[in-house]
Every structure is written in C-alpha cells, then in structure tokens.
Protein backbone atom coordinates (compact mmCIF):
# COMPACT_ATOMS: atom_id res chain seq x y z
CA MET A 1 95.40 -56.24 -48.05
CA THR A 2 91.82 -55.01 -48.14
CA GLU A 3 91.46 -51.30 -47.44
CA HIS A 4 88.65 -50.53 -45.01
CA LEU A 5 86.34 -47.58 -45.43
CA THR A 6 87.50 -44.76 -43.17
CA SER A 7 85.59 -41.96 -41.48
CA GLY A 8 87.65 -39.39 -43.39
CA GLN A 9 86.91 -40.93 -46.78
CA LEU A 10 83.21 -41.18 -45.97
CA LEU A 11 83.07 -37.52 -44.93
CA ARG A 12 84.89 -36.43 -48.10
CA ASP A 13 82.47 -38.42 -50.25
CA ILE A 14 79.46 -36.94 -48.45
CA ASN A 15 80.76 -33.40 -48.95
CA ASN A 16 81.62 -34.08 -52.61
CA GLY A 17 78.16 -35.54 -53.08
CA PHE A 18 76.54 -32.38 -51.71
CA ASN A 19 78.68 -30.29 -54.06
CA LYS A 20 77.58 -32.44 -57.00
CA LEU A 21 73.90 -32.28 -56.06
CA GLN A 22 74.03 -28.52 -55.55
CA SER A 23 75.83 -27.95 -58.87
CA ASN A 24 74.57 -24.81 -60.59
CA PRO A 25 71.07 -25.44 -62.00
CA CYS A 26 71.50 -22.60 -64.54
CA GLY A 27 72.60 -24.00 -67.90
CA LEU A 28 74.12 -20.71 -69.06
CA CYS A 29 76.15 -20.31 -65.85
CA LYS A 30 77.30 -23.91 -66.14
CA GLN A 31 78.55 -23.28 -69.69
CA ASN A 32 80.48 -20.18 -68.64
CA GLU A 33 81.47 -20.86 -65.03
CA ASP A 34 85.20 -20.51 -65.78
CA LYS A 35 84.83 -17.24 -67.72
CA VAL A 36 84.23 -13.62 -66.83
CA TYR A 37 81.68 -11.47 -68.62
CA ASN A 38 84.21 -9.67 -70.84
CA ASP A 39 85.99 -12.89 -71.79
CA GLY A 40 83.20 -14.58 -73.71
CA ALA A 41 80.76 -15.46 -70.95
CA MET A 42 77.10 -14.96 -71.79
CA ILE A 43 75.50 -12.06 -69.94
CA HIS A 44 72.15 -13.04 -68.50
CA PHE A 45 70.00 -12.69 -65.40
CA HIS A 46 68.27 -15.11 -63.06
CA GLY A 47 64.73 -14.77 -61.83
CA SER A 48 66.14 -14.22 -58.34
CA ASP A 49 67.97 -11.11 -59.64
CA TRP A 50 64.66 -9.32 -60.17
CA GLY A 51 64.43 -8.52 -56.47
CA LYS A 52 68.07 -7.51 -55.89
CA CYS A 53 69.98 -4.23 -55.91
CA ARG A 54 70.96 -3.34 -59.49
CA ARG A 55 74.57 -2.54 -58.55
CA MET A 56 74.86 -5.89 -56.77
CA ILE A 57 73.63 -7.67 -59.90
CA GLN A 58 76.24 -5.89 -62.02
CA TYR A 59 79.03 -6.75 -59.58
CA ASN A 60 77.87 -10.36 -59.45
CA ILE A 61 78.30 -10.64 -63.22
CA MET A 62 81.67 -8.86 -63.15
CA PHE A 63 83.05 -10.67 -60.09
CA PRO A 64 81.01 -13.85 -59.59
CA GLU A 65 81.11 -15.17 -56.04
CA LYS A 66 82.48 -18.68 -55.58
CA ILE A 67 80.11 -20.67 -53.39
CA SER A 68 81.80 -22.48 -50.49
CA SER A 69 81.10 -26.13 -49.75
CA ASP A 70 79.38 -25.10 -46.49
CA LYS A 71 76.99 -22.84 -48.44
CA ASP A 72 76.46 -25.69 -50.91
CA LYS A 73 75.12 -27.88 -48.10
CA PHE A 74 73.01 -25.06 -46.66
CA PHE A 75 71.41 -24.33 -50.05
CA PHE A 76 70.83 -28.02 -50.73
CA ASP A 77 69.08 -28.41 -47.36
CA GLY A 78 66.88 -25.46 -48.35
CA HIS A 79 65.94 -27.18 -51.59
CA LEU A 80 64.94 -30.30 -49.65
CA HIS A 81 62.66 -28.23 -47.41
CA GLU A 82 61.12 -26.57 -50.47
CA GLU A 83 60.70 -29.86 -52.32
CA SER A 84 58.89 -31.33 -49.30
CA ILE A 85 56.14 -28.72 -49.80
CA ILE A 86 55.80 -29.66 -53.48
CA ARG A 87 55.65 -33.35 -52.57
CA ALA A 88 52.93 -32.65 -49.99
CA LEU A 89 50.85 -30.81 -52.60
CA ARG A 90 51.35 -33.63 -55.09
CA SER A 91 50.19 -36.18 -52.52
CA MET A 92 46.91 -34.25 -52.25
CA GLY A 93 46.24 -34.60 -55.96
CA TYR A 94 47.67 -31.31 -57.29
CA PHE A 95 49.20 -31.63 -60.73
CA ILE A 96 52.68 -30.07 -60.60
CA ASP A 97 53.78 -28.82 -64.02
CA PHE A 98 57.29 -27.86 -63.05
CA THR A 99 59.62 -28.58 -60.15
CA TYR A 100 63.21 -27.80 -59.16
CA ASP A 101 64.27 -31.43 -59.21
CA GLN A 102 63.11 -31.77 -62.82
CA ILE A 103 65.66 -29.11 -63.73
CA ASN A 104 68.31 -30.81 -61.63
CA GLU A 105 67.58 -34.07 -63.43
CA LYS A 106 67.80 -32.49 -66.89
CA ILE A 107 70.97 -30.43 -66.34
CA ASN A 108 72.96 -32.33 -63.72
CA ASN A 109 71.79 -35.91 -64.42
CA VAL A 110 70.53 -36.14 -60.84
CA PRO A 111 67.45 -38.36 -60.58
CA GLY A 112 64.26 -36.36 -60.11
CA SER A 113 60.82 -37.40 -58.99
CA LEU A 114 58.96 -36.46 -62.18
CA LEU A 115 59.63 -36.36 -65.91
CA PHE A 116 60.78 -33.00 -67.26
CA ASN A 117 57.99 -31.35 -69.24
CA ASN A 118 60.20 -29.44 -71.70
CA ILE A 119 59.30 -25.99 -70.37
CA PRO A 120 62.05 -23.63 -71.60
CA LEU A 121 64.44 -22.21 -69.03
CA ASN A 122 65.80 -19.21 -70.94
CA PHE A 123 63.61 -16.27 -71.92
CA ASN A 124 64.47 -13.19 -73.99
CA ILE A 125 62.80 -10.29 -72.18
CA ALA A 126 64.24 -7.40 -74.20
CA SER A 127 67.09 -6.43 -76.53
CA TYR A 128 69.67 -3.65 -76.48
CA ALA A 129 71.31 -2.01 -79.50
CA HIS A 130 75.09 -1.96 -79.07
CA GLN A 131 77.65 -1.21 -81.78
CA ASP A 132 75.26 -1.86 -84.66
CA LYS A 133 73.98 -5.15 -83.26
CA PHE A 134 71.26 -6.23 -80.88
CA VAL A 135 72.09 -7.90 -77.59
CA ASN A 136 69.37 -10.16 -76.25
CA ILE A 137 68.63 -9.73 -72.56
CA GLN A 138 67.89 -13.14 -71.08
CA THR A 139 66.32 -14.23 -67.83
CA VAL A 140 66.84 -17.80 -66.67
CA VAL A 141 64.11 -19.14 -64.39
CA HIS A 142 63.51 -22.29 -62.37
CA PRO A 143 60.40 -21.96 -60.19
CA ASP A 144 59.60 -24.54 -57.56
CA GLY A 145 56.27 -25.43 -59.13
CA ILE A 146 53.29 -24.42 -61.25
CA ILE A 147 50.09 -26.12 -60.16
CA THR A 148 46.81 -26.51 -61.99
CA HIS A 149 43.63 -25.84 -59.98
CA ASN A 150 40.22 -25.66 -61.69
CA LYS A 151 42.00 -25.09 -65.04
CA GLU A 152 43.93 -22.11 -63.63
CA LYS A 153 47.72 -22.35 -63.53
CA VAL A 154 49.17 -20.90 -60.33
CA LEU A 155 52.82 -20.30 -59.45
CA ILE A 156 54.12 -21.90 -56.26
CA GLU A 157 57.37 -20.52 -54.83
CA CYS A 158 58.76 -22.12 -51.67
CA LYS A 159 61.35 -20.77 -49.26
CA ALA A 160 63.00 -22.14 -46.13
CA VAL A 161 64.08 -19.63 -43.46
CA LYS A 162 65.58 -19.72 -40.00
CA ASN A 163 63.42 -19.61 -36.90
CA TYR A 164 64.24 -16.01 -35.94
CA SER A 165 62.90 -14.58 -39.22
CA PHE A 166 59.93 -16.92 -39.65
CA PRO A 167 57.32 -15.00 -37.56
CA LYS A 168 57.23 -12.04 -39.95
CA TYR A 169 56.20 -14.33 -42.81
CA LYS A 170 53.33 -15.69 -40.73
CA GLU A 171 52.21 -12.07 -40.40
CA GLY A 172 52.14 -11.63 -44.18
CA PHE A 173 55.57 -10.10 -44.92
CA ILE A 174 56.90 -10.54 -48.46
CA PRO A 175 60.47 -9.21 -48.87
CA PRO A 176 61.36 -7.33 -52.09
CA THR A 177 63.76 -10.09 -53.09
CA TYR A 178 61.04 -12.76 -53.11
CA PHE A 179 58.47 -10.42 -54.65
CA GLY A 180 60.79 -9.57 -57.54
CA GLN A 181 61.71 -13.20 -58.13
CA MET A 182 58.05 -14.18 -58.30
CA GLN A 183 57.29 -11.32 -60.70
CA ALA A 184 59.94 -12.72 -63.05
CA TYR A 185 58.31 -16.15 -62.97
CA LEU A 186 54.77 -14.78 -63.36
CA HIS A 187 55.91 -12.67 -66.32
CA VAL A 188 57.75 -15.29 -68.35
CA PHE A 189 55.12 -18.00 -67.78
CA LYS A 190 52.27 -15.52 -68.36
CA LEU A 191 50.57 -16.27 -65.05
CA GLU A 192 48.27 -13.98 -63.08
CA ARG A 193 48.80 -15.24 -59.54
CA GLY A 194 51.20 -17.12 -57.35
CA PHE A 195 51.69 -18.11 -53.72
CA LEU A 196 54.80 -17.74 -51.59
CA ILE A 197 55.03 -20.59 -49.08
CA VAL A 198 57.64 -20.29 -46.34
CA LYS A 199 58.85 -23.16 -44.16
CA ASN A 200 60.69 -22.85 -40.85
CA ARG A 201 64.02 -24.71 -41.19
CA ASP A 202 64.16 -25.39 -37.45
CA THR A 203 60.59 -26.42 -36.58
CA SER A 204 59.17 -27.37 -40.03
CA ASP A 205 56.24 -25.04 -39.37
CA ILE A 206 54.72 -23.63 -42.58
CA SER A 207 53.36 -20.12 -43.03
CA PRO A 208 49.93 -19.45 -44.56
CA PRO A 209 50.56 -19.14 -48.33
CA LEU A 210 50.99 -15.48 -49.29
CA LEU A 211 49.27 -14.33 -52.48
CA VAL A 212 51.38 -12.46 -55.04
CA LYS A 213 49.66 -11.00 -58.11
CA ALA A 214 51.36 -10.15 -61.41
CA ASP A 215 52.49 -6.51 -61.41
CA PRO A 216 53.00 -5.29 -65.01
CA GLU A 217 54.33 -1.89 -63.89
CA PHE A 218 57.00 -3.53 -61.74
CA VAL A 219 57.98 -5.76 -64.66
CA LYS A 220 58.23 -2.81 -67.05
CA LYS A 221 60.50 -0.87 -64.68
CA LYS A 222 62.60 -3.95 -63.92
CA ILE A 223 63.25 -4.71 -67.59
CA ILE A 224 64.40 -1.12 -68.09
CA GLU A 225 66.70 -1.53 -65.08
CA LEU A 226 68.14 -4.83 -66.32
CA THR A 227 68.70 -3.28 -69.74
CA GLY A 228 70.63 -0.52 -67.98
CA ILE A 229 72.85 -3.11 -66.31
CA ILE A 230 73.65 -4.70 -69.68
CA LYS A 231 74.41 -1.26 -71.09
CA GLY A 232 76.74 -0.53 -68.19
CA LEU A 233 78.58 -3.83 -68.65
CA LEU A 234 79.04 -3.40 -72.39
CA GLU A 235 80.15 0.22 -72.03
CA ASP A 236 82.37 -0.54 -69.05
CA LYS A 237 80.47 1.76 -66.70
CA LEU A 238 79.11 1.18 -63.21
CA ILE A 239 75.42 1.90 -62.94
CA LYS A 240 74.12 4.24 -60.24
CA ARG A 241 73.49 2.80 -56.77
CA PRO A 242 69.84 2.79 -55.66
CA TYR A 243 70.84 3.97 -52.17
CA ASP A 244 72.26 7.22 -50.76
CA ASN A 245 74.25 5.40 -48.06
CA ASN A 246 75.17 1.88 -46.95
CA LYS A 247 73.09 1.84 -43.76
CA ASN A 248 70.23 -0.11 -45.35
CA PHE A 249 69.50 -3.82 -44.88
CA GLU A 250 70.57 -4.86 -48.38
CA CYS A 251 73.97 -3.15 -48.23
CA LYS A 252 74.61 -4.49 -44.73
CA TYR A 253 74.79 -8.09 -45.96
CA CYS A 254 76.10 -7.50 -49.49
CA THR A 255 79.25 -9.33 -50.60
CA TYR A 256 80.36 -6.25 -52.54
CA LYS A 257 79.73 -3.62 -49.84
CA GLU A 258 83.36 -2.53 -49.44
CA ARG A 259 84.02 -2.44 -53.17
CA CYS A 260 80.79 -0.60 -53.93
CA TRP A 261 81.22 2.20 -51.36
CA ARG A 262 84.96 2.65 -51.81
CA TRP A 263 84.36 5.77 -53.91
C-alpha cells in the first residue's frame, strides 16, 4: 500500500531543512561542537564577539548555548533578509567579493549564488604565552559582503531587525555590538571603511547605510581584552565584569545573567 505524504511528515522535513541550512557556519565550532573548551575544543572568537561583554564571551566558550529549532528559523530568515540586500547591490553592477552564502556553500554543502573566492575565514590576531608555549588567538569572520567601488574595497554588513527597533537605525544609531563586529571585519581584511545596512523584518524598509570607519584604538584595546579572556580560560579564572550592576541593557538580555551575578 502506497504511503501518502502527511502534514506531520512535511512539517518535520521543513523544520529539519531549516536546521540543516542554519548549521553553524564557523568551521572551528563545527569541528568542536560536541566538546567543551577544557576537553580539547579549540578556543577562538567570532567577529560578532568583538562587540559583546567580555564576561559573556568567556561564559559562551565555557557553557555554549544550544540553539533551539525556533531560533534556527529566526536566524535563517534574518540571513535571507540580509542576502536580499547583497543581491540587490549585485543586480546594480557591484562586484561582491564575499558573501554569507559562499561560506554556507563551502562548509555546509548548501548551494550558494556565487563561487567561493578562497578568502580565509580564520585569522590569528595575537598570541599568548602559557606554560612555555604560545597560544594563538583566532578570530573567525564571515562578513555579508565586500564590494569594489572605484578600486576601493568597502565592507558591507547587513542586519535585519524588528519594526519596533528600526526607527533608531534610520536616525543613525549604531549599537556597540554591530560596531565591534564591523571593526573585526575591517581589521582582518585591512579595510578603511564599511557600511551598516539595516532592513526592517516586518516592512522590508531599508535604513540609509551607516558609515563605519576603521578604529585602530578600538582594535588594540579589543585584542588586549580577548587575550585576557584566553588567559582567564587557561588559568581557570573568571575575568572581571565590565559593569558594576546588572541593570544595563546587555545584562538584561544575557543568557548567563543569573550565573554571572550569583556572587
């Protein structure tokens, strides 16, 4: 007897497909996703870490958060919004050196829209001497795009946000998280300028692109901070919180809030 396709099976396959498409784009995380940092996993940072609280970054390495299937779909939808901006630029004749779906194609065998251009994903940004050996401090990056305009290479970073937070971006607001992430990309690709482009998830409205210039002083301080996180991990010590209390915006929505402020 022929089995007919059921609604339940179709829904399961859709959800599993989203999980597969949203599979971790970071090669190092993918290699070590079943390990913890003190059990052989490679300690490294992502470009998005450059704008986060240092204690949160340390906790995220020590106790990595498992992403739910609902978050998988939400993040994947965000990538589609971001990719639509890159596709629009490409349709206007901009040469896109690097896109998210190229990384997805290379690492996850998911078809992308362009050929991967062999730009490295992992960058050594510093080293730390520990027990008579040097530990390389790596940052893994995957920007949305690097465009060429009049021989200048310019970073393009796209974000998709909900309607209630979109107006502040139209007024020129750049949150520390996005600023730090873009500084990581500008630093490792040796670029001078980039634009943050924000799309409204609900209306598809797009903010005026916001200029972000390379900030060498920020990068210098951030590398020192990331080195401190590595030191804390290897010496089994928690690094100092950047806040005096948990009333700030970052702590309010942090996964590790209760753990962090327990003592």
